[in-house]
Amino acid sequence: DLLVLNDTKVVKARLFGQKSSGGRLELLIERVLSS
């Protein structure tokens, strides 16, 4: 038999910050577009 595994790695994609007005926001990075 052949066992096939997904070797992706989970990244710490949840980031927190704030707008210039002071309001809080959360980003969840789905994809890195740049190299």
All heavy atoms as atom14 arrays in JSON, in Angstrom:
{
  "sequence": "DLLVLNDTKVVKARLFGQKSSGGRLELLIERVLSS",
  "atom14_mask": [
    [1, 1, 1, 1, 1, 1, 1, 1, 0, 0, 0, 0, 0, 0],
    [1, 1, 1, 1, 1, 1, 1, 1, 0, 0, 0, 0, 0, 0],
    [1, 1, 1, 1, 1, 1, 1, 1, 0, 0, 0, 0, 0, 0],
    [1, 1, 1, 1, 1, 1, 1, 0, 0, 0, 0, 0, 0, 0],
    [1, 1, 1, 1, 1, 1, 1, 1, 0, 0, 0, 0, 0, 0],
    [1, 1, 1, 1, 1, 1, 1, 1, 0, 0, 0, 0, 0, 0],
    [1, 1, 1, 1, 1, 1, 1, 1, 0, 0, 0, 0, 0, 0],
    [1, 1, 1, 1, 1, 1, 1, 0, 0, 0, 0, 0, 0, 0],
    [1, 1, 1, 1, 1, 1, 1, 1, 1, 0, 0, 0, 0, 0],
    [1, 1, 1, 1, 1, 1, 1, 0, 0, 0, 0, 0, 0, 0],
    [1, 1, 1, 1, 1, 1, 1, 0, 0, 0, 0, 0, 0, 0],
    [1, 1, 1, 1, 1, 1, 1, 1, 1, 0, 0, 0, 0, 0],
    [1, 1, 1, 1, 1, 0, 0, 0, 0, 0, 0, 0, 0, 0],
    [1, 1, 1, 1, 1, 1, 1, 1, 1, 1, 1, 0, 0, 0],
    [1, 1, 1, 1, 1, 1, 1, 1, 0, 0, 0, 0, 0, 0],
    [1, 1, 1, 1, 1, 1, 1, 1, 1, 1, 1, 0, 0, 0],
    [1, 1, 1, 1, 0, 0, 0, 0, 0, 0, 0, 0, 0, 0],
    [1, 1, 1, 1, 1, 1, 1, 1, 1, 0, 0, 0, 0, 0],
    [1, 1, 1, 1, 1, 1, 1, 1, 1, 0, 0, 0, 0, 0],
    [1, 1, 1, 1, 1, 1, 0, 0, 0, 0, 0, 0, 0, 0],
    [1, 1, 1, 1, 1, 1, 0, 0, 0, 0, 0, 0, 0, 0],
    [1, 1, 1, 1, 0, 0, 0, 0, 0, 0, 0, 0, 0, 0],
    [1, 1, 1, 1, 0, 0, 0, 0, 0, 0, 0, 0, 0, 0],
    [1, 1, 1, 1, 1, 1, 1, 1, 1, 1, 1, 0, 0, 0],
    [1, 1, 1, 1, 1, 1, 1, 1, 0, 0, 0, 0, 0, 0],
    [1, 1, 1, 1, 1, 1, 1, 1, 1, 0, 0, 0, 0, 0],
    [1, 1, 1, 1, 1, 1, 1, 1, 0, 0, 0, 0, 0, 0],
    [1, 1, 1, 1, 1, 1, 1, 1, 0, 0, 0, 0, 0, 0],
    [1, 1, 1, 1, 1, 1, 1, 1, 0, 0, 0, 0, 0, 0],
    [1, 1, 1, 1, 1, 1, 1, 1, 1, 0, 0, 0, 0, 0],
    [1, 1, 1, 1, 1, 1, 1, 1, 1, 1, 1, 0, 0, 0],
    [1, 1, 1, 1, 1, 1, 1, 0, 0, 0, 0, 0, 0, 0],
    [1, 1, 1, 1, 1, 1, 1, 1, 0, 0, 0, 0, 0, 0],
    [1, 1, 1, 1, 1, 1, 0, 0, 0, 0, 0, 0, 0, 0],
    [1, 1, 1, 1, 1, 1, 0, 0, 0, 0, 0, 0, 0, 0]
  ],
  "atom14_positions": [
    [[0.84, -1.2, 0.0], [0.0, 0.0, 0.0], [0.88, 1.25, 0.0], [2.05, 1.21, 0.41], [-0.9, 0.03, 1.23], [-2.07, -0.95, 1.15], [-2.34, -1.45, 0.05], [-2.7, -1.2, 2.19], [0.0, 0.0, 0.0], [0.0, 0.0, 0.0], [0.0, 0.0, 0.0], [0.0, 0.0, 0.0], [0.0, 0.0, 0.0], [0.0, 0.0, 0.0]],
    [[0.3, 2.35, -0.44], [1.0, 3.64, -0.46], [0.22, 4.64, 0.39], [-0.94, 4.93, 0.11], [1.12, 4.17, -1.89], [1.72, 5.58, -2.04], [3.19, 5.58, -1.63], [1.55, 6.07, -3.48], [0.0, 0.0, 0.0], [0.0, 0.0, 0.0], [0.0, 0.0, 0.0], [0.0, 0.0, 0.0], [0.0, 0.0, 0.0], [0.0, 0.0, 0.0]],
    [[0.85, 5.14, 1.43], [0.26, 6.16, 2.3], [0.65, 7.53, 1.76], [1.83, 7.84, 1.62], [0.79, 5.99, 3.72], [0.09, 6.74, 4.83], [-1.26, 6.11, 5.15], [0.96, 6.76, 6.09], [0.0, 0.0, 0.0], [0.0, 0.0, 0.0], [0.0, 0.0, 0.0], [0.0, 0.0, 0.0], [0.0, 0.0, 0.0], [0.0, 0.0, 0.0]],
    [[-0.34, 8.36, 1.44], [-0.08, 9.7, 0.9], [-0.52, 10.74, 1.92], [-1.67, 10.77, 2.35], [-0.79, 9.92, -0.44], [-0.35, 11.27, -1.04], [-0.49, 8.8, -1.42], [0.0, 0.0, 0.0], [0.0, 0.0, 0.0], [0.0, 0.0, 0.0], [0.0, 0.0, 0.0], [0.0, 0.0, 0.0], [0.0, 0.0, 0.0], [0.0, 0.0, 0.0]],
    [[0.42, 11.61, 2.31], [0.22, 12.61, 3.36], [0.36, 14.02, 2.8], [1.13, 14.24, 1.86], [1.26, 12.4, 4.46], [1.28, 11.03, 5.12], [2.68, 10.71, 5.63], [0.3, 10.97, 6.26], [0.0, 0.0, 0.0], [0.0, 0.0, 0.0], [0.0, 0.0, 0.0], [0.0, 0.0, 0.0], [0.0, 0.0, 0.0], [0.0, 0.0, 0.0]],
    [[-0.36, 14.95, 3.41], [-0.25, 16.36, 3.04], [0.78, 17.03, 3.95], [0.57, 17.13, 5.17], [-1.61, 17.04, 3.18], [-1.6, 18.51, 2.77], [-0.59, 19.02, 2.29], [-2.72, 19.18, 2.95], [0.0, 0.0, 0.0], [0.0, 0.0, 0.0], [0.0, 0.0, 0.0], [0.0, 0.0, 0.0], [0.0, 0.0, 0.0], [0.0, 0.0, 0.0]],
    [[1.9, 17.48, 3.37], [2.99, 18.03, 4.19], [2.96, 19.55, 4.32], [3.97, 20.19, 4.61], [4.35, 17.57, 3.64], [4.66, 18.1, 2.25], [3.84, 18.89, 1.71], [5.71, 17.73, 1.69], [0.0, 0.0, 0.0], [0.0, 0.0, 0.0], [0.0, 0.0, 0.0], [0.0, 0.0, 0.0], [0.0, 0.0, 0.0], [0.0, 0.0, 0.0]],
    [[1.78, 20.15, 4.14], [1.66, 21.59, 4.37], [1.94, 21.91, 5.84], [1.8, 21.07, 6.72], [0.25, 22.1, 3.99], [0.23, 23.53, 4.08], [-0.82, 21.54, 4.92], [0.0, 0.0, 0.0], [0.0, 0.0, 0.0], [0.0, 0.0, 0.0], [0.0, 0.0, 0.0], [0.0, 0.0, 0.0], [0.0, 0.0, 0.0], [0.0, 0.0, 0.0]],
    [[2.34, 23.15, 6.08], [2.64, 23.6, 7.44], [1.72, 24.76, 7.81], [1.61, 25.74, 7.05], [4.11, 24.03, 7.54], [4.55, 24.4, 8.95], [6.05, 24.69, 8.98], [6.53, 24.98, 10.39], [8.0, 25.23, 10.43], [0.0, 0.0, 0.0], [0.0, 0.0, 0.0], [0.0, 0.0, 0.0], [0.0, 0.0, 0.0], [0.0, 0.0, 0.0]],
    [[1.07, 24.65, 8.95], [0.2, 25.73, 9.42], [1.04, 26.91, 9.86], [2.02, 26.76, 10.61], [-0.68, 25.25, 10.59], [-1.57, 26.39, 11.1], [-1.54, 24.06, 10.17], [0.0, 0.0, 0.0], [0.0, 0.0, 0.0], [0.0, 0.0, 0.0], [0.0, 0.0, 0.0], [0.0, 0.0, 0.0], [0.0, 0.0, 0.0], [0.0, 0.0, 0.0]],
    [[0.69, 28.09, 9.38], [1.39, 29.31, 9.79], [0.54, 30.06, 10.81], [-0.67, 29.88, 10.9], [1.67, 30.22, 8.57], [2.67, 29.57, 7.64], [0.4, 30.57, 7.82], [0.0, 0.0, 0.0], [0.0, 0.0, 0.0], [0.0, 0.0, 0.0], [0.0, 0.0, 0.0], [0.0, 0.0, 0.0], [0.0, 0.0, 0.0], [0.0, 0.0, 0.0]],
    [[1.2, 30.92, 11.59], [0.49, 31.72, 12.6], [-0.15, 32.91, 11.9], [0.3, 34.05, 11.99], [1.47, 32.16, 13.69], [2.12, 31.01, 14.43], [3.12, 31.54, 15.44], [3.91, 30.46, 16.11], [4.93, 30.98, 17.05], [0.0, 0.0, 0.0], [0.0, 0.0, 0.0], [0.0, 0.0, 0.0], [0.0, 0.0, 0.0], [0.0, 0.0, 0.0]],
    [[-1.24, 32.61, 11.21], [-1.79, 33.56, 10.25], [-2.7, 34.6, 10.86], [-3.12, 35.53, 10.16], [-2.56, 32.78, 9.17], [0.0, 0.0, 0.0], [0.0, 0.0, 0.0], [0.0, 0.0, 0.0], [0.0, 0.0, 0.0], [0.0, 0.0, 0.0], [0.0, 0.0, 0.0], [0.0, 0.0, 0.0], [0.0, 0.0, 0.0], [0.0, 0.0, 0.0]],
    [[-3.04, 34.48, 12.13], [-3.95, 35.45, 12.75], [-3.14, 36.58, 13.38], [-2.31, 36.36, 14.27], [-4.82, 34.74, 13.79], [-5.81, 35.66, 14.48], [-6.91, 34.89, 15.19], [-7.91, 34.44, 14.24], [-8.35, 33.19, 14.15], [-7.84, 32.25, 14.91], [-9.28, 32.87, 13.28], [0.0, 0.0, 0.0], [0.0, 0.0, 0.0], [0.0, 0.0, 0.0]],
    [[-3.38, 37.8, 12.89], [-2.65, 38.99, 13.34], [-3.64, 40.04, 13.84], [-4.74, 40.18, 13.29], [-1.83, 39.58, 12.18], [-0.8, 38.65, 11.53], [-0.28, 39.27, 10.24], [0.35, 38.37, 12.49], [0.0, 0.0, 0.0], [0.0, 0.0, 0.0], [0.0, 0.0, 0.0], [0.0, 0.0, 0.0], [0.0, 0.0, 0.0], [0.0, 0.0, 0.0]],
    [[-3.25, 40.78, 14.84], [-4.12, 41.8, 15.42], [-3.46, 43.18, 15.32], [-2.24, 43.31, 15.3], [-4.41, 41.48, 16.89], [-5.16, 40.19, 17.08], [-4.47, 39.0, 17.3], [-6.54, 40.15, 17.02], [-5.15, 37.8, 17.47], [-7.24, 38.97, 17.19], [-6.54, 37.79, 17.41], [0.0, 0.0, 0.0], [0.0, 0.0, 0.0], [0.0, 0.0, 0.0]],
    [[-4.3, 44.21, 15.26], [-3.8, 45.57, 15.17], [-4.92, 46.57, 15.33], [-6.0, 46.24, 15.85], [0.0, 0.0, 0.0], [0.0, 0.0, 0.0], [0.0, 0.0, 0.0], [0.0, 0.0, 0.0], [0.0, 0.0, 0.0], [0.0, 0.0, 0.0], [0.0, 0.0, 0.0], [0.0, 0.0, 0.0], [0.0, 0.0, 0.0], [0.0, 0.0, 0.0]],
    [[-4.67, 47.8, 14.86], [-5.7, 48.82, 14.97], [-5.62, 49.8, 13.82], [-4.57, 50.01, 13.22], [-5.59, 49.57, 16.29], [-4.29, 50.33, 16.5], [-4.22, 50.96, 17.88], [-4.81, 50.45, 18.84], [-3.51, 52.08, 17.99], [0.0, 0.0, 0.0], [0.0, 0.0, 0.0], [0.0, 0.0, 0.0], [0.0, 0.0, 0.0], [0.0, 0.0, 0.0]],
    [[-6.77, 50.4, 13.52], [-6.85, 51.45, 12.5], [-6.34, 52.76, 13.09], [-6.12, 52.87, 14.3], [-8.3, 51.62, 12.04], [-8.91, 50.37, 11.43], [-10.31, 50.65, 10.9], [-11.28, 51.0, 12.02], [-12.65, 51.27, 11.51], [0.0, 0.0, 0.0], [0.0, 0.0, 0.0], [0.0, 0.0, 0.0], [0.0, 0.0, 0.0], [0.0, 0.0, 0.0]],
    [[-6.18, 53.73, 12.22], [-5.71, 55.04, 12.69], [-6.7, 55.67, 13.67], [-6.33, 56.47, 14.53], [-5.49, 55.98, 11.5], [-6.68, 56.12, 10.75], [0.0, 0.0, 0.0], [0.0, 0.0, 0.0], [0.0, 0.0, 0.0], [0.0, 0.0, 0.0], [0.0, 0.0, 0.0], [0.0, 0.0, 0.0], [0.0, 0.0, 0.0], [0.0, 0.0, 0.0]],
    [[-7.99, 55.28, 13.55], [-9.02, 55.79, 14.46], [-8.94, 55.14, 15.83], [-9.61, 55.57, 16.77], [-10.4, 55.54, 13.86], [-10.64, 54.14, 13.74], [0.0, 0.0, 0.0], [0.0, 0.0, 0.0], [0.0, 0.0, 0.0], [0.0, 0.0, 0.0], [0.0, 0.0, 0.0], [0.0, 0.0, 0.0], [0.0, 0.0, 0.0], [0.0, 0.0, 0.0]],
    [[-8.15, 54.07, 15.94], [-8.03, 53.35, 17.19], [-8.85, 52.08, 17.26], [-8.7, 51.29, 18.2], [0.0, 0.0, 0.0], [0.0, 0.0, 0.0], [0.0, 0.0, 0.0], [0.0, 0.0, 0.0], [0.0, 0.0, 0.0], [0.0, 0.0, 0.0], [0.0, 0.0, 0.0], [0.0, 0.0, 0.0], [0.0, 0.0, 0.0], [0.0, 0.0, 0.0]],
    [[-9.74, 51.87, 16.29], [-10.56, 50.67, 16.27], [-9.73, 49.42, 16.02], [-8.81, 49.43, 15.2], [0.0, 0.0, 0.0], [0.0, 0.0, 0.0], [0.0, 0.0, 0.0], [0.0, 0.0, 0.0], [0.0, 0.0, 0.0], [0.0, 0.0, 0.0], [0.0, 0.0, 0.0], [0.0, 0.0, 0.0], [0.0, 0.0, 0.0], [0.0, 0.0, 0.0]],
    [[-10.02, 48.36, 16.77], [-9.26, 47.13, 16.65], [-9.66, 46.36, 15.39], [-10.8, 46.46, 14.91], [-9.49, 46.25, 17.88], [-8.95, 46.84, 19.17], [-7.44, 46.9, 19.2], [-6.84, 45.57, 19.28], [-5.53, 45.34, 19.17], [-4.68, 46.34, 18.97], [-5.06, 44.11, 19.28], [0.0, 0.0, 0.0], [0.0, 0.0, 0.0], [0.0, 0.0, 0.0]],
    [[-8.71, 45.59, 14.87], [-9.0, 44.74, 13.72], [-8.19, 43.46, 13.82], [-7.2, 43.38, 14.56], [-8.7, 45.46, 12.4], [-7.25, 45.46, 11.89], [-7.21, 45.61, 10.4], [-6.46, 46.57, 12.57], [0.0, 0.0, 0.0], [0.0, 0.0, 0.0], [0.0, 0.0, 0.0], [0.0, 0.0, 0.0], [0.0, 0.0, 0.0], [0.0, 0.0, 0.0]],
    [[-8.64, 42.49, 13.07], [-7.98, 41.19, 13.01], [-7.8, 40.81, 11.55], [-8.73, 40.93, 10.76], [-8.8, 40.13, 13.73], [-8.25, 38.72, 13.62], [-9.17, 37.68, 14.23], [-9.9, 38.02, 15.2], [-9.18, 36.53, 13.74], [0.0, 0.0, 0.0], [0.0, 0.0, 0.0], [0.0, 0.0, 0.0], [0.0, 0.0, 0.0], [0.0, 0.0, 0.0]],
    [[-6.61, 40.35, 11.2], [-6.33, 39.84, 9.87], [-6.06, 38.34, 9.96], [-5.38, 37.89, 10.89], [-5.12, 40.54, 9.23], [-5.18, 42.05, 9.06], [-3.91, 42.53, 8.35], [-6.42, 42.47, 8.29], [0.0, 0.0, 0.0], [0.0, 0.0, 0.0], [0.0, 0.0, 0.0], [0.0, 0.0, 0.0], [0.0, 0.0, 0.0], [0.0, 0.0, 0.0]],
    [[-6.56, 37.61, 9.0], [-6.23, 36.2, 8.85], [-5.63, 36.04, 7.47], [-6.34, 36.11, 6.46], [-7.46, 35.31, 9.0], [-7.2, 33.8, 8.83], [-6.26, 33.29, 9.92], [-8.5, 33.02, 8.84], [0.0, 0.0, 0.0], [0.0, 0.0, 0.0], [0.0, 0.0, 0.0], [0.0, 0.0, 0.0], [0.0, 0.0, 0.0], [0.0, 0.0, 0.0]],
    [[-4.32, 35.89, 7.41], [-3.63, 35.85, 6.13], [-3.9, 34.51, 5.45], [-3.5, 33.45, 5.93], [-2.12, 36.08, 6.3], [-1.88, 37.5, 6.83], [-1.38, 35.86, 4.98], [-0.43, 37.85, 7.01], [0.0, 0.0, 0.0], [0.0, 0.0, 0.0], [0.0, 0.0, 0.0], [0.0, 0.0, 0.0], [0.0, 0.0, 0.0], [0.0, 0.0, 0.0]],
    [[-4.59, 34.57, 4.35], [-4.96, 33.38, 3.59], [-3.85, 32.95, 2.64], [-3.63, 31.77, 2.41], [-6.24, 33.66, 2.79], [-6.7, 32.53, 1.9], [-7.6, 31.53, 2.62], [-8.04, 31.82, 3.75], [-7.85, 30.46, 2.04], [0.0, 0.0, 0.0], [0.0, 0.0, 0.0], [0.0, 0.0, 0.0], [0.0, 0.0, 0.0], [0.0, 0.0, 0.0]],
    [[-3.14, 33.94, 2.09], [-2.13, 33.61, 1.08], [-1.08, 34.69, 1.0], [-1.4, 35.88, 1.0], [-2.8, 33.43, -0.28], [-1.88, 32.96, -1.37], [-2.63, 32.7, -2.68], [-3.63, 31.65, -2.56], [-4.13, 30.99, -3.6], [-3.71, 31.27, -4.83], [-5.04, 30.06, -3.43], [0.0, 0.0, 0.0], [0.0, 0.0, 0.0], [0.0, 0.0, 0.0]],
    [[0.19, 34.29, 0.95], [1.29, 35.22, 0.69], [1.43, 35.34, -0.81], [1.62, 34.35, -1.52], [2.59, 34.73, 1.33], [3.76, 35.63, 0.93], [2.46, 34.69, 2.86], [0.0, 0.0, 0.0], [0.0, 0.0, 0.0], [0.0, 0.0, 0.0], [0.0, 0.0, 0.0], [0.0, 0.0, 0.0], [0.0, 0.0, 0.0], [0.0, 0.0, 0.0]],
    [[1.3, 36.57, -1.33], [1.29, 36.8, -2.78], [2.67, 37.11, -3.33], [2.93, 36.9, -4.51], [0.34, 37.95, -3.12], [-1.12, 37.77, -2.66], [-1.92, 39.02, -2.98], [-1.75, 36.55, -3.31], [0.0, 0.0, 0.0], [0.0, 0.0, 0.0], [0.0, 0.0, 0.0], [0.0, 0.0, 0.0], [0.0, 0.0, 0.0], [0.0, 0.0, 0.0]],
    [[3.56, 37.61, -2.5], [4.88, 38.01, -2.96], [5.9, 36.91, -2.73], [5.66, 35.96, -1.97], [5.32, 39.29, -2.23], [5.25, 39.1, -0.83], [0.0, 0.0, 0.0], [0.0, 0.0, 0.0], [0.0, 0.0, 0.0], [0.0, 0.0, 0.0], [0.0, 0.0, 0.0], [0.0, 0.0, 0.0], [0.0, 0.0, 0.0], [0.0, 0.0, 0.0]],
    [[7.03, 37.02, -3.4], [8.15, 36.11, -3.2], [9.11, 36.71, -2.18], [9.12, 37.93, -1.98], [8.88, 35.86, -4.52], [8.01, 35.3, -5.47], [0.0, 0.0, 0.0], [0.0, 0.0, 0.0], [0.0, 0.0, 0.0], [0.0, 0.0, 0.0], [0.0, 0.0, 0.0], [0.0, 0.0, 0.0], [0.0, 0.0, 0.0], [0.0, 0.0, 0.0]]
  ]
}
